[in-house]
N, C-alpha and C. Protein backbone atom coordinates (compact mmCIF):
# COMPACT_ATOMS: atom_id res chain seq x y z
N MET A 1 26.36 -13.47 -54.09
CA MET A 1 26.02 -14.84 -54.45
C MET A 1 24.50 -14.96 -54.60
N LEU A 2 24.08 -15.40 -55.76
CA LEU A 2 22.66 -15.66 -55.99
C LEU A 2 22.33 -17.07 -55.55
N CYS A 3 21.13 -17.24 -55.00
CA CYS A 3 20.67 -18.59 -54.69
C CYS A 3 19.16 -18.64 -54.86
N SER A 4 18.67 -19.84 -55.10
CA SER A 4 17.24 -20.08 -55.26
C SER A 4 16.72 -20.73 -53.99
N ILE A 5 15.55 -20.29 -53.55
CA ILE A 5 14.95 -20.81 -52.32
C ILE A 5 13.65 -21.52 -52.68
N TYR A 6 13.50 -22.72 -52.12
CA TYR A 6 12.32 -23.55 -52.36
C TYR A 6 11.71 -23.94 -51.01
N LYS A 7 10.37 -24.00 -50.97
CA LYS A 7 9.72 -24.48 -49.75
C LYS A 7 9.30 -25.92 -49.94
N SER A 8 9.18 -26.63 -48.83
CA SER A 8 8.82 -28.04 -48.84
C SER A 8 7.30 -28.22 -48.91
N THR A 9 6.89 -29.27 -49.60
CA THR A 9 5.46 -29.62 -49.63
C THR A 9 5.14 -30.65 -48.56
N LYS A 10 6.16 -31.20 -47.90
CA LYS A 10 5.94 -32.23 -46.89
C LYS A 10 6.22 -31.75 -45.47
N LYS A 11 7.13 -30.81 -45.31
CA LYS A 11 7.56 -30.36 -43.98
C LYS A 11 7.31 -28.86 -43.85
N GLU A 12 6.29 -28.50 -43.08
CA GLU A 12 5.94 -27.10 -42.89
C GLU A 12 7.13 -26.32 -42.32
N GLY A 13 7.45 -25.21 -42.95
CA GLY A 13 8.53 -24.35 -42.46
C GLY A 13 9.91 -24.73 -42.93
N ALA A 14 10.04 -25.78 -43.75
CA ALA A 14 11.35 -26.19 -44.25
C ALA A 14 11.61 -25.53 -45.60
N TYR A 15 12.83 -25.00 -45.75
CA TYR A 15 13.23 -24.33 -46.99
C TYR A 15 14.58 -24.86 -47.43
N LEU A 16 14.75 -24.99 -48.74
CA LEU A 16 15.99 -25.48 -49.33
C LEU A 16 16.60 -24.37 -50.18
N TYR A 17 17.85 -24.05 -49.91
CA TYR A 17 18.59 -23.03 -50.65
C TYR A 17 19.59 -23.75 -51.54
N ILE A 18 19.59 -23.43 -52.83
CA ILE A 18 20.55 -24.03 -53.76
C ILE A 18 21.17 -22.94 -54.63
N ALA A 19 22.34 -23.23 -55.19
CA ALA A 19 23.07 -22.23 -55.96
C ALA A 19 22.44 -21.95 -57.32
N LYS A 20 21.95 -22.98 -57.98
CA LYS A 20 21.40 -22.81 -59.33
C LYS A 20 19.94 -23.24 -59.36
N LYS A 21 19.12 -22.41 -59.98
CA LYS A 21 17.69 -22.68 -60.06
C LYS A 21 17.43 -24.06 -60.66
N ASP A 22 16.60 -24.83 -59.97
CA ASP A 22 16.15 -26.16 -60.39
C ASP A 22 17.27 -27.20 -60.53
N ASP A 23 18.46 -26.93 -59.98
CA ASP A 23 19.54 -27.91 -59.99
C ASP A 23 19.66 -28.54 -58.61
N PHE A 24 18.97 -29.65 -58.42
CA PHE A 24 18.95 -30.32 -57.12
C PHE A 24 19.99 -31.44 -57.04
N SER A 25 20.90 -31.51 -58.00
CA SER A 25 21.88 -32.59 -58.04
C SER A 25 22.76 -32.67 -56.78
N PRO A 26 23.11 -31.54 -56.11
CA PRO A 26 23.92 -31.68 -54.89
C PRO A 26 23.14 -32.20 -53.68
N VAL A 27 21.82 -32.18 -53.74
CA VAL A 27 20.99 -32.55 -52.60
C VAL A 27 20.82 -34.08 -52.57
N PRO A 28 21.11 -34.71 -51.42
CA PRO A 28 20.97 -36.17 -51.32
C PRO A 28 19.52 -36.61 -51.60
N ASP A 29 19.38 -37.78 -52.22
CA ASP A 29 18.06 -38.32 -52.56
C ASP A 29 17.17 -38.47 -51.33
N ALA A 30 17.74 -38.94 -50.22
CA ALA A 30 16.94 -39.13 -49.00
C ALA A 30 16.35 -37.80 -48.52
N LEU A 31 17.13 -36.74 -48.62
CA LEU A 31 16.65 -35.42 -48.23
C LEU A 31 15.55 -34.95 -49.17
N MET A 32 15.70 -35.19 -50.45
CA MET A 32 14.68 -34.78 -51.41
C MET A 32 13.37 -35.54 -51.16
N GLN A 33 13.45 -36.81 -50.78
CA GLN A 33 12.25 -37.57 -50.48
C GLN A 33 11.54 -37.01 -49.25
N MET A 34 12.31 -36.66 -48.23
CA MET A 34 11.75 -36.07 -47.02
C MET A 34 11.16 -34.69 -47.31
N PHE A 35 11.81 -33.94 -48.18
CA PHE A 35 11.43 -32.57 -48.49
C PHE A 35 10.16 -32.50 -49.34
N GLY A 36 10.00 -33.47 -50.22
CA GLY A 36 8.85 -33.47 -51.12
C GLY A 36 9.14 -32.65 -52.37
N LYS A 37 8.09 -32.36 -53.12
CA LYS A 37 8.25 -31.59 -54.35
C LYS A 37 8.58 -30.14 -53.98
N PRO A 38 9.75 -29.65 -54.40
CA PRO A 38 10.13 -28.28 -54.07
C PRO A 38 9.26 -27.26 -54.81
N VAL A 39 8.86 -26.23 -54.10
CA VAL A 39 8.07 -25.14 -54.68
C VAL A 39 8.91 -23.88 -54.62
N MET A 40 9.19 -23.30 -55.79
CA MET A 40 10.04 -22.11 -55.88
C MET A 40 9.42 -20.95 -55.10
N VAL A 41 10.23 -20.33 -54.25
CA VAL A 41 9.78 -19.17 -53.48
C VAL A 41 10.36 -17.90 -54.08
N MET A 42 11.70 -17.88 -54.23
CA MET A 42 12.36 -16.69 -54.77
C MET A 42 13.82 -16.96 -55.07
N VAL A 43 14.41 -16.04 -55.82
CA VAL A 43 15.85 -16.01 -56.05
C VAL A 43 16.35 -14.77 -55.33
N VAL A 44 17.39 -14.92 -54.52
CA VAL A 44 17.93 -13.79 -53.75
C VAL A 44 19.43 -13.67 -53.95
N ASN A 45 19.89 -12.45 -53.78
CA ASN A 45 21.32 -12.17 -53.76
C ASN A 45 21.74 -12.12 -52.30
N LEU A 46 22.45 -13.13 -51.85
CA LEU A 46 22.83 -13.22 -50.44
C LEU A 46 23.84 -12.15 -50.04
N ALA A 47 24.53 -11.57 -51.00
CA ALA A 47 25.51 -10.53 -50.70
C ALA A 47 24.84 -9.25 -50.22
N LYS A 48 23.61 -9.03 -50.60
CA LYS A 48 22.93 -7.77 -50.29
C LYS A 48 21.71 -7.97 -49.41
N ARG A 49 21.68 -9.03 -48.62
CA ARG A 49 20.44 -9.35 -47.92
C ARG A 49 20.71 -9.95 -46.55
N THR A 50 19.79 -9.72 -45.64
CA THR A 50 19.77 -10.45 -44.38
C THR A 50 18.56 -11.38 -44.43
N LEU A 51 18.63 -12.45 -43.69
CA LEU A 51 17.52 -13.41 -43.67
C LEU A 51 16.92 -13.44 -42.27
N ALA A 52 15.62 -13.61 -42.20
CA ALA A 52 14.91 -13.53 -40.92
C ALA A 52 15.21 -14.70 -39.99
N GLN A 53 15.30 -15.91 -40.50
CA GLN A 53 15.40 -17.10 -39.66
C GLN A 53 16.81 -17.68 -39.53
N VAL A 54 17.72 -17.26 -40.40
CA VAL A 54 19.03 -17.93 -40.43
C VAL A 54 20.13 -16.93 -40.78
N ASP A 55 21.34 -17.23 -40.34
CA ASP A 55 22.51 -16.40 -40.61
C ASP A 55 22.94 -16.56 -42.07
N VAL A 56 23.06 -15.45 -42.78
CA VAL A 56 23.43 -15.47 -44.20
C VAL A 56 24.78 -16.15 -44.42
N GLU A 57 25.71 -15.94 -43.52
CA GLU A 57 27.03 -16.55 -43.66
C GLU A 57 26.97 -18.07 -43.58
N LYS A 58 26.09 -18.60 -42.73
CA LYS A 58 25.91 -20.06 -42.65
C LYS A 58 25.37 -20.59 -43.97
N VAL A 59 24.43 -19.87 -44.55
CA VAL A 59 23.85 -20.28 -45.83
C VAL A 59 24.91 -20.29 -46.91
N LYS A 60 25.68 -19.22 -47.01
CA LYS A 60 26.74 -19.12 -48.03
C LYS A 60 27.75 -20.25 -47.87
N THR A 61 28.21 -20.47 -46.65
CA THR A 61 29.21 -21.50 -46.39
C THR A 61 28.69 -22.88 -46.76
N SER A 62 27.45 -23.16 -46.38
CA SER A 62 26.86 -24.47 -46.69
C SER A 62 26.69 -24.67 -48.20
N ILE A 63 26.24 -23.64 -48.90
CA ILE A 63 26.06 -23.76 -50.35
C ILE A 63 27.41 -23.98 -51.03
N GLU A 64 28.44 -23.25 -50.58
CA GLU A 64 29.77 -23.40 -51.18
C GLU A 64 30.38 -24.77 -50.90
N SER A 65 30.17 -25.31 -49.69
CA SER A 65 30.80 -26.59 -49.35
C SER A 65 29.94 -27.81 -49.69
N GLU A 66 28.62 -27.72 -49.45
CA GLU A 66 27.74 -28.87 -49.65
C GLU A 66 26.92 -28.78 -50.94
N GLY A 67 26.73 -27.55 -51.44
CA GLY A 67 25.91 -27.36 -52.63
C GLY A 67 24.47 -26.99 -52.31
N PHE A 68 24.11 -26.98 -51.01
CA PHE A 68 22.75 -26.63 -50.60
C PHE A 68 22.75 -26.24 -49.12
N PHE A 69 21.65 -25.65 -48.69
CA PHE A 69 21.42 -25.36 -47.27
C PHE A 69 19.97 -25.69 -46.96
N LEU A 70 19.74 -26.42 -45.89
CA LEU A 70 18.39 -26.79 -45.47
C LEU A 70 18.03 -25.98 -44.23
N GLN A 71 16.97 -25.20 -44.33
CA GLN A 71 16.47 -24.43 -43.19
C GLN A 71 15.24 -25.15 -42.64
N LEU A 72 15.33 -25.54 -41.37
CA LEU A 72 14.22 -26.21 -40.72
C LEU A 72 13.55 -25.23 -39.75
N PRO A 73 12.26 -25.43 -39.48
CA PRO A 73 11.58 -24.53 -38.55
C PRO A 73 12.13 -24.72 -37.13
N PRO A 74 12.06 -23.68 -36.31
CA PRO A 74 12.51 -23.86 -34.93
C PRO A 74 11.60 -24.86 -34.22
N PRO A 75 12.14 -25.55 -33.22
CA PRO A 75 11.30 -26.52 -32.51
C PRO A 75 10.16 -25.80 -31.79
N PRO A 76 9.03 -26.47 -31.62
CA PRO A 76 7.92 -25.81 -30.94
C PRO A 76 8.27 -25.50 -29.49
N GLU A 77 7.75 -24.42 -29.01
CA GLU A 77 8.02 -23.99 -27.65
C GLU A 77 7.31 -24.94 -26.68
N ASN A 78 8.03 -25.40 -25.67
CA ASN A 78 7.45 -26.27 -24.67
C ASN A 78 6.80 -25.40 -23.61
N LEU A 79 5.50 -25.22 -23.70
CA LEU A 79 4.79 -24.32 -22.80
C LEU A 79 4.78 -24.81 -21.36
N LEU A 80 4.77 -26.12 -21.16
CA LEU A 80 4.81 -26.66 -19.80
C LEU A 80 6.12 -26.30 -19.12
N GLU A 81 7.24 -26.47 -19.84
CA GLU A 81 8.54 -26.12 -19.26
C GLU A 81 8.63 -24.62 -18.99
N LYS A 82 8.11 -23.83 -19.88
CA LYS A 82 8.11 -22.37 -19.69
C LYS A 82 7.30 -22.01 -18.44
N TYR A 83 6.16 -22.64 -18.25
CA TYR A 83 5.32 -22.40 -17.08
C TYR A 83 6.06 -22.78 -15.79
N LYS A 84 6.72 -23.94 -15.83
CA LYS A 84 7.47 -24.40 -14.65
C LYS A 84 8.60 -23.42 -14.30
N GLU A 85 9.28 -22.92 -15.31
CA GLU A 85 10.36 -21.95 -15.08
C GLU A 85 9.83 -20.67 -14.46
N GLN A 86 8.69 -20.20 -14.95
CA GLN A 86 8.09 -18.99 -14.41
C GLN A 86 7.67 -19.19 -12.96
N LYS A 87 7.11 -20.35 -12.64
CA LYS A 87 6.70 -20.67 -11.26
C LYS A 87 7.92 -20.72 -10.35
N ALA A 88 9.00 -21.34 -10.83
CA ALA A 88 10.22 -21.45 -10.04
C ALA A 88 10.82 -20.08 -9.75
N GLN A 89 10.72 -19.17 -10.71
CA GLN A 89 11.27 -17.83 -10.53
C GLN A 89 10.43 -17.00 -9.55
N GLN A 90 9.16 -17.32 -9.44
CA GLN A 90 8.27 -16.58 -8.55
C GLN A 90 8.48 -16.96 -7.08
N LYS A 91 9.08 -18.12 -6.84
CA LYS A 91 9.28 -18.59 -5.45
C LYS A 91 10.41 -17.88 -4.78
């Protein structure tokens, strides 16, 4: 399965995967407004590839059922909570 990947101009680390290049018709208008002007990153064959941030099967399933897949960046690490956990483990 080929898909086109676009990065967001408004949300750092957000990527939109769609089945057909420049066909954003399956993507809801509200999402497109949040996403900003899409910038083409690449076209990939999902059948022959692994992805660093997301499971390929999730992407395929979402594109087949919804017409798109939105990849958001992972939430920032809470360093205070991590510090507290380390302190608790040291006791």
